[in-house]
Amino acid sequence: TLHKTSSDKVARLIALYLPQFHPIPENDEWWGKGFTEWTNTAKAKPMFPGHYQPHVPADLGFYDLRVEETRIAQAEMAQKYGIEAFCYYHYWFAGQRIIERPFNEVLESNKPDFPFCLCWANQTWSGIWHGNPNKVLIEQTYPGMEDHKKHFDYLLKAFLDERYLKVDGKPFFIVYNPFELPDSLKVTNFWRELAKEAGLPGLHIVAENHSGVNDWNYQAAGFDATYRLKFPETRASWSPWDKPFEKIRNKLFDLLKIPNLYFYKKAVDDISLQAEQCSGSYPCIIPNWDNSPRSGVNARVFLGSTHELFRSHFKKALNLVKGLPKDERFIIIKSWNEWAEGNYLEPDLKFGHKYLEVIRDEIERIKK
């Protein structure tokens, strides 16, 4: 069995998981027959000298998430290298659901026997996958408490599954866009009451903080915890004298159709790690970032990511959680398989298993 729990956790590693690797009618209509996340991933081309593109998957290939064997192979790989759970992106547009099939099949089949949780990706779907962010495909709306009740009822089957990730018996649930959720305190309290009525001790609701504010009062907004994922405003600076010419350089990059460049080494900690760690504030780690397959010149591209720089990033996250209660030593990984955003742990042809090996080796080093 893959489903393991341990009271002696060095860290609880939760990998965000994108289900958009199978065709659906909506994507066929918007982008053409057979569109999946692989469509943009596979056709990506380098946009400047030394640009690592395309990213080609290794062991698992260009998979289809409707295939149970693929989902099992992913879970086996994650468990082997020390990932505790997948956090599946979940979509709810006032009752409309989309790309829900992979997780529904995980739930119905009881396979893989591997812990999971859900992240409500509550954002409007735009044409960003084809570089057209102003085109609205599905709007994220919040009709009111009756809709939140229906949403909770839909989630409850997952919350009650024995594989569902819990903190003190409370299901672990992420809200991707906490700042856009109207009356978030009212909604989260309502959901906690519904959880108790269903026989659960409550919910452990986590907010992604992309505001850039370190001291955001997430508890006042109704959340038990938060993690930070905020991009820096400043693009890569090659030397101290580069600063005065930043506007000229950026203009030149725009003319040459070069996306927004950042140095991985400088960017990752600023983006994802809080300056001070405390209970309820989880670090987030990023193996790489390059969403140029989706966004073209509007993309953000990290330069110079290596598994050794990722090791340094991961060590800082481990250091931040070591003083927390064992049940709360969460590290969020962005992500397991976001190939068209260039942030994934799954092996590719360039790096193989090196990023996964960093996670396994650092966990083992602390255990010794």
Protein backbone atom coordinates (compact mmCIF):
# COMPACT_ATOMS: atom_id res chain seq x y z
CA THR A 1 0.00 0.00 0.00
CA LEU A 2 1.08 3.56 -0.71
CA HIS A 3 -1.12 5.05 1.99
CA LYS A 4 1.26 5.60 4.89
CA THR A 5 1.18 7.88 7.89
CA SER A 6 3.94 8.63 10.33
CA SER A 7 3.95 10.48 13.62
CA ASP A 8 7.64 11.27 13.19
CA LYS A 9 7.57 13.60 10.22
CA VAL A 10 10.60 15.68 9.28
CA ALA A 11 8.26 17.56 6.94
CA ARG A 12 4.88 17.02 5.34
CA LEU A 13 5.37 17.59 1.62
CA ILE A 14 2.23 18.46 -0.32
CA ALA A 15 2.60 18.70 -4.12
CA LEU A 16 0.07 20.73 -6.10
CA TYR A 17 -1.32 18.64 -8.95
CA LEU A 18 -2.82 19.86 -12.24
CA PRO A 19 -5.46 17.57 -13.80
CA GLN A 20 -5.49 19.19 -17.29
CA PHE A 21 -3.84 16.29 -19.11
CA HIS A 22 -6.86 14.87 -20.88
CA PRO A 23 -9.15 16.34 -23.54
CA ILE A 24 -12.49 17.87 -22.57
CA PRO A 25 -15.26 19.35 -24.79
CA GLU A 26 -14.66 22.89 -23.47
CA ASN A 27 -10.96 22.91 -24.39
CA ASP A 28 -11.76 21.30 -27.76
CA GLU A 29 -14.11 24.21 -28.44
CA TRP A 30 -11.76 26.94 -27.19
CA TRP A 31 -8.39 25.73 -28.47
CA GLY A 32 -9.00 22.97 -30.99
CA LYS A 33 -9.60 19.23 -30.93
CA GLY A 34 -7.51 17.31 -28.39
CA PHE A 35 -6.10 20.32 -26.51
CA THR A 36 -4.45 19.42 -23.19
CA GLU A 37 -1.61 20.88 -21.14
CA TRP A 38 0.75 18.93 -23.42
CA THR A 39 -0.33 20.93 -26.49
CA ASN A 40 1.53 24.08 -25.47
CA THR A 41 4.28 22.17 -23.65
CA ALA A 42 5.27 20.17 -26.74
CA LYS A 43 5.23 23.00 -29.27
CA ALA A 44 7.28 25.45 -27.14
CA LYS A 45 10.42 26.91 -28.72
CA PRO A 46 13.40 28.80 -27.25
CA MET A 47 12.73 32.56 -27.15
CA PHE A 48 16.33 33.68 -26.56
CA PRO A 49 19.82 32.09 -26.62
CA GLY A 50 20.17 29.42 -23.92
CA HIS A 51 16.42 29.24 -23.25
CA TYR A 52 15.55 25.69 -22.13
CA GLN A 53 12.55 24.74 -24.27
CA PRO A 54 10.75 22.49 -24.96
CA HIS A 55 10.48 20.53 -21.70
CA VAL A 56 9.97 16.86 -22.58
CA PRO A 57 8.72 14.33 -19.99
CA ALA A 58 10.89 11.26 -19.35
CA ASP A 59 9.63 8.23 -17.37
CA LEU A 60 5.89 8.94 -17.50
CA GLY A 61 5.80 10.28 -21.07
CA PHE A 62 3.05 12.49 -22.53
CA TYR A 63 0.45 10.82 -20.36
CA ASP A 64 -3.35 10.92 -20.33
CA LEU A 65 -4.81 11.27 -16.82
CA ARG A 66 -7.86 9.23 -17.76
CA VAL A 67 -5.54 6.20 -17.53
CA GLU A 68 -5.54 4.63 -14.06
CA GLU A 69 -2.06 3.10 -14.51
CA THR A 70 -0.62 6.60 -15.05
CA ARG A 71 -2.19 7.93 -11.85
CA ILE A 72 -0.86 4.94 -9.91
CA ALA A 73 2.64 5.37 -11.38
CA GLN A 74 2.64 9.06 -10.35
CA ALA A 75 1.66 8.19 -6.79
CA GLU A 76 4.28 5.44 -6.56
CA MET A 77 6.96 7.86 -7.74
CA ALA A 78 5.85 10.61 -5.35
CA GLN A 79 5.78 8.23 -2.38
CA LYS A 80 9.20 6.80 -3.24
CA TYR A 81 10.80 10.24 -3.05
CA GLY A 82 9.06 11.46 0.11
CA ILE A 83 5.96 13.33 -1.06
CA GLU A 84 3.14 12.78 1.42
CA ALA A 85 0.15 13.85 -0.68
CA PHE A 86 -1.07 15.29 -3.96
CA CYS A 87 -3.17 18.44 -3.75
CA TYR A 88 -5.47 18.29 -6.78
CA TYR A 89 -6.61 21.57 -8.28
CA HIS A 90 -10.40 21.59 -8.08
CA TYR A 91 -12.72 23.86 -10.08
CA TRP A 92 -16.16 25.09 -9.04
CA PHE A 93 -17.88 27.79 -11.09
CA ALA A 94 -21.23 28.25 -9.31
CA GLY A 95 -21.89 24.52 -9.64
CA GLN A 96 -20.14 24.00 -12.97
CA ARG A 97 -17.13 21.68 -12.73
CA ILE A 98 -14.37 21.22 -15.25
CA ILE A 99 -11.40 18.81 -15.76
CA GLU A 100 -12.77 16.95 -12.73
CA ARG A 101 -12.56 13.45 -14.21
CA PRO A 102 -9.07 12.38 -12.97
CA PHE A 103 -9.83 13.20 -9.34
CA ASN A 104 -13.36 11.79 -9.54
CA GLU A 105 -11.87 8.49 -10.73
CA VAL A 106 -9.28 8.52 -7.93
CA LEU A 107 -12.15 8.97 -5.48
CA GLU A 108 -14.46 6.35 -7.02
CA SER A 109 -11.85 3.65 -7.62
CA ASN A 110 -9.95 3.99 -4.30
CA LYS A 111 -6.79 3.95 -6.42
CA PRO A 112 -4.08 5.01 -5.95
CA ASP A 113 -4.02 4.35 -2.22
CA PHE A 114 -2.13 7.60 -1.65
CA PRO A 115 -3.08 10.65 0.43
CA PHE A 116 -4.66 13.64 -1.28
CA CYS A 117 -6.31 16.97 -0.63
CA LEU A 118 -7.96 19.65 -2.76
CA CYS A 119 -7.17 23.23 -3.75
CA TRP A 120 -10.11 25.30 -4.96
CA ALA A 121 -8.59 27.14 -7.94
CA ASN A 122 -11.13 29.95 -7.69
CA GLN A 123 -10.18 32.15 -10.60
CA THR A 124 -11.77 33.16 -13.88
CA TRP A 125 -10.50 31.08 -16.80
CA SER A 126 -9.04 33.33 -19.46
CA GLY A 127 -7.29 32.80 -22.77
CA ILE A 128 -3.89 32.84 -21.07
CA TRP A 129 -2.98 29.43 -22.51
CA HIS A 130 -2.86 31.03 -25.95
CA GLY A 131 -1.40 34.35 -24.85
CA ASN A 132 -4.83 36.02 -24.80
CA PRO A 133 -5.44 36.76 -21.10
CA ASN A 134 -8.29 39.20 -21.79
CA LYS A 135 -10.54 36.53 -23.31
CA VAL A 136 -12.92 35.24 -20.61
CA LEU A 137 -13.78 31.55 -20.98
CA ILE A 138 -15.50 30.79 -17.66
CA GLU A 139 -16.05 33.51 -15.10
CA GLN A 140 -15.54 32.70 -11.42
CA THR A 141 -18.63 33.95 -9.60
CA TYR A 142 -19.87 33.72 -6.01
CA PRO A 143 -23.70 33.61 -6.06
CA GLY A 144 -24.05 33.31 -2.28
CA MET A 145 -24.35 30.96 0.67
CA GLU A 146 -26.63 28.47 -1.08
CA ASP A 147 -23.91 27.93 -3.69
CA HIS A 148 -21.29 27.53 -0.92
CA LYS A 149 -23.55 24.88 0.63
CA LYS A 150 -23.75 22.99 -2.69
CA HIS A 151 -19.99 23.30 -3.07
CA PHE A 152 -19.40 21.88 0.40
CA ASP A 153 -21.83 19.00 -0.26
CA TYR A 154 -19.83 18.17 -3.40
CA LEU A 155 -16.55 18.24 -1.45
CA LEU A 156 -17.83 16.19 1.48
CA LYS A 157 -17.37 12.79 -0.18
CA ALA A 158 -13.69 13.59 -0.65
CA PHE A 159 -13.33 14.97 2.91
CA LEU A 160 -14.74 11.72 4.33
CA ASP A 161 -12.38 9.50 2.30
CA GLU A 162 -9.80 7.80 4.54
CA ARG A 163 -7.00 8.93 2.19
CA TYR A 164 -7.87 12.61 2.60
CA LEU A 165 -5.06 14.62 4.23
CA LYS A 166 -6.00 15.82 7.69
CA VAL A 167 -4.65 17.95 10.53
CA ASP A 168 -5.98 16.83 13.92
CA GLY A 169 -8.72 15.02 12.03
CA LYS A 170 -9.65 18.14 10.03
CA PRO A 171 -9.51 17.93 6.21
CA PHE A 172 -6.77 20.14 4.70
CA PHE A 173 -8.29 22.44 2.04
CA ILE A 174 -6.58 25.23 0.09
CA VAL A 175 -8.25 28.34 -1.34
CA TYR A 176 -6.12 29.59 -4.23
CA ASN A 177 -7.58 33.11 -4.40
CA PRO A 178 -8.55 34.09 -0.83
CA PHE A 179 -8.65 37.82 -1.61
CA GLU A 180 -11.39 37.34 -4.22
CA LEU A 181 -13.67 35.23 -2.03
CA PRO A 182 -16.39 37.61 -0.76
CA ASP A 183 -17.03 37.40 3.00
CA SER A 184 -14.29 34.79 3.38
CA LEU A 185 -14.66 34.72 7.17
CA LYS A 186 -18.38 34.04 6.87
CA VAL A 187 -17.87 31.38 4.20
CA THR A 188 -15.07 29.51 6.00
CA ASN A 189 -17.00 29.53 9.31
CA PHE A 190 -20.07 28.23 7.46
CA TRP A 191 -18.04 25.41 5.94
CA ARG A 192 -16.56 24.49 9.33
CA GLU A 193 -20.06 24.25 10.81
CA LEU A 194 -21.18 22.03 7.92
CA ALA A 195 -18.11 19.83 8.49
CA LYS A 196 -19.05 19.41 12.15
CA GLU A 197 -22.63 18.55 11.20
CA ALA A 198 -21.15 15.84 8.93
CA GLY A 199 -19.22 14.33 11.85
CA LEU A 200 -15.82 15.93 11.18
CA PRO A 201 -14.02 17.98 13.85
CA GLY A 202 -13.86 20.93 11.43
CA LEU A 203 -11.71 21.97 8.46
CA HIS A 204 -8.09 23.13 8.18
CA ILE A 205 -8.44 25.85 5.53
CA VAL A 206 -5.26 27.24 3.98
CA ALA A 207 -4.97 30.42 1.89
CA GLU A 208 -2.40 31.08 -0.80
CA ASN A 209 -1.00 34.57 -0.17
CA HIS A 210 -0.04 36.22 -3.44
CA SER A 211 -0.46 39.73 -2.05
CA GLY A 212 3.21 40.10 -1.14
CA VAL A 213 2.22 41.23 2.36
CA ASN A 214 4.23 39.27 4.92
CA ASP A 215 2.02 40.14 7.87
CA TRP A 216 -1.38 39.57 6.22
CA ASN A 217 -3.85 38.60 8.93
CA TYR A 218 -5.10 35.37 7.38
CA GLN A 219 -6.88 34.36 10.59
CA ALA A 220 -9.07 37.46 10.50
CA ALA A 221 -10.01 36.43 6.96
CA GLY A 222 -11.12 33.01 8.25
CA PHE A 223 -8.12 30.84 7.42
CA ASP A 224 -6.13 28.48 9.64
CA ALA A 225 -2.91 28.87 7.70
CA THR A 226 -1.29 30.46 4.67
CA TYR A 227 1.61 30.09 2.28
CA ARG A 228 3.24 32.76 0.17
CA LEU A 229 3.58 32.80 -3.63
CA LYS A 230 4.24 36.33 -4.83
CA PHE A 231 6.38 37.21 -7.83
CA PRO A 232 9.00 39.96 -7.56
CA GLU A 233 8.31 43.20 -9.43
CA THR A 234 11.89 43.57 -10.70
CA ARG A 235 13.21 41.54 -13.59
CA ALA A 236 16.71 40.05 -13.67
CA SER A 237 19.56 42.52 -13.21
CA TRP A 238 22.89 41.32 -14.59
CA SER A 239 25.13 43.78 -12.71
CA PRO A 240 24.95 46.85 -10.44
CA TRP A 241 25.32 49.21 -13.40
CA ASP A 242 22.38 47.54 -15.10
CA LYS A 243 19.90 49.29 -12.76
CA PRO A 244 20.02 52.81 -14.30
CA PHE A 245 19.41 51.30 -17.74
CA GLU A 246 16.57 49.03 -16.62
CA LYS A 247 13.86 50.86 -18.59
CA ILE A 248 15.97 50.84 -21.76
CA ARG A 249 16.82 47.16 -21.31
CA ASN A 250 13.18 46.24 -20.69
CA LYS A 251 12.16 48.17 -23.81
CA LEU A 252 14.80 46.30 -25.81
CA PHE A 253 13.58 42.95 -24.42
CA ASP A 254 10.01 43.89 -25.39
CA LEU A 255 11.13 44.74 -28.93
CA LEU A 256 13.03 41.44 -29.19
CA LYS A 257 9.99 39.57 -27.76
CA ILE A 258 11.95 38.29 -24.76
CA PRO A 259 9.75 37.39 -21.75
CA ASN A 260 10.23 38.61 -18.16
CA LEU A 261 13.47 37.05 -16.90
CA TYR A 262 14.37 36.36 -13.26
CA PHE A 263 17.37 34.64 -11.73
CA TYR A 264 16.13 31.47 -10.03
CA LYS A 265 18.69 31.81 -7.25
CA LYS A 266 17.48 35.29 -6.31
CA ALA A 267 13.79 34.87 -7.01
CA VAL A 268 12.63 31.70 -5.28
CA ASP A 269 13.11 32.61 -1.63
CA ASP A 270 11.65 36.07 -2.14
CA ILE A 271 8.61 34.60 -3.87
CA SER A 272 7.76 31.70 -1.64
CA LEU A 273 9.42 31.78 1.79
CA GLN A 274 8.24 33.97 4.65
CA ALA A 275 10.91 35.99 6.44
CA GLU A 276 9.80 34.52 9.75
CA GLN A 277 8.23 31.16 10.24
CA CYS A 278 5.44 30.50 12.68
CA SER A 279 2.69 27.99 13.19
CA GLY A 280 0.16 28.44 10.41
CA SER A 281 2.59 29.89 7.89
CA TYR A 282 3.91 27.24 5.53
CA PRO A 283 6.86 27.60 3.16
CA CYS A 284 6.33 26.93 -0.53
CA ILE A 285 9.10 25.59 -2.76
CA ILE A 286 9.45 25.94 -6.54
CA PRO A 287 11.70 23.68 -8.65
CA ASN A 288 11.60 26.03 -11.65
CA TRP A 289 9.31 28.42 -13.52
CA ASP A 290 8.83 29.11 -17.22
CA ASN A 291 5.30 29.68 -18.44
CA SER A 292 6.37 30.86 -21.90
CA PRO A 293 4.63 27.83 -23.52
CA ARG A 294 1.38 29.37 -22.26
CA SER A 295 2.03 33.08 -22.20
CA GLY A 296 4.73 33.89 -24.76
CA VAL A 297 6.25 37.36 -24.27
CA ASN A 298 4.09 37.94 -21.16
CA ALA A 299 5.69 34.93 -19.45
CA ARG A 300 7.91 34.80 -16.39
CA VAL A 301 11.05 32.73 -16.92
CA PHE A 302 13.47 31.72 -14.17
CA LEU A 303 17.05 31.49 -15.37
CA GLY A 304 19.57 29.03 -14.04
CA SER A 305 17.50 26.60 -12.01
CA THR A 306 19.55 23.52 -11.07
CA HIS A 307 18.88 20.71 -8.66
CA GLU A 308 21.65 22.04 -6.38
CA LEU A 309 20.06 25.50 -6.19
CA PHE A 310 16.75 23.74 -5.53
CA ARG A 311 18.51 21.87 -2.71
CA SER A 312 19.47 25.18 -1.09
CA HIS A 313 15.87 26.43 -1.48
CA PHE A 314 14.48 23.19 0.02
CA LYS A 315 16.92 23.25 2.95
CA LYS A 316 15.69 26.73 3.90
CA ALA A 317 12.11 25.46 3.88
CA LEU A 318 13.05 22.45 6.04
CA ASN A 319 14.77 24.76 8.48
CA LEU A 320 11.64 26.91 8.70
CA VAL A 321 9.35 24.02 9.65
CA LYS A 322 11.60 22.12 12.06
CA GLY A 323 10.33 24.00 15.10
CA LEU A 324 6.65 23.50 14.28
CA PRO A 325 4.46 20.77 15.79
CA LYS A 326 5.01 17.55 13.81
CA ASP A 327 1.48 17.56 12.43
CA GLU A 328 1.99 21.08 11.01
CA ARG A 329 5.35 20.76 9.28
CA PHE A 330 3.84 21.40 5.87
CA ILE A 331 5.86 22.40 2.84
CA ILE A 332 3.82 23.19 -0.27
CA ILE A 333 5.48 22.22 -3.57
CA LYS A 334 4.51 24.21 -6.65
CA SER A 335 4.18 21.76 -8.24
CA TRP A 336 4.06 18.09 -9.22
CA ASN A 337 3.17 18.46 -12.90
CA GLU A 338 2.55 21.99 -14.22
CA TRP A 339 4.51 21.35 -17.40
CA ALA A 340 3.35 24.38 -19.44
CA GLU A 341 4.33 26.62 -16.49
CA GLY A 342 7.70 24.88 -16.24
CA ASN A 343 7.23 24.05 -12.56
CA TYR A 344 7.15 20.32 -11.97
CA LEU A 345 8.94 17.55 -10.08
CA GLU A 346 8.17 14.79 -12.57
CA PRO A 347 11.30 13.70 -14.45
CA ASP A 348 12.15 15.32 -17.77
CA LEU A 349 14.79 14.45 -20.37
CA LYS A 350 17.20 17.14 -19.15
CA PHE A 351 17.27 16.60 -15.37
CA GLY A 352 15.76 13.13 -14.91
CA HIS A 353 15.05 12.40 -11.25
CA LYS A 354 17.52 14.94 -9.84
CA TYR A 355 14.95 17.28 -8.27
CA LEU A 356 13.09 14.35 -6.72
CA GLU A 357 16.38 12.93 -5.43
CA VAL A 358 17.11 16.24 -3.67
CA ILE A 359 13.87 15.89 -1.71
CA ARG A 360 14.52 12.26 -0.78
CA ASP A 361 18.18 12.87 0.14
CA GLU A 362 17.53 15.94 2.30
CA ILE A 363 14.74 14.19 4.21
CA GLU A 364 16.99 11.16 4.78
CA ARG A 365 19.88 13.40 5.88
CA ILE A 366 17.76 14.98 8.63
CA LYS A 367 16.41 11.61 9.79
CA LYS A 368 19.95 10.38 10.38
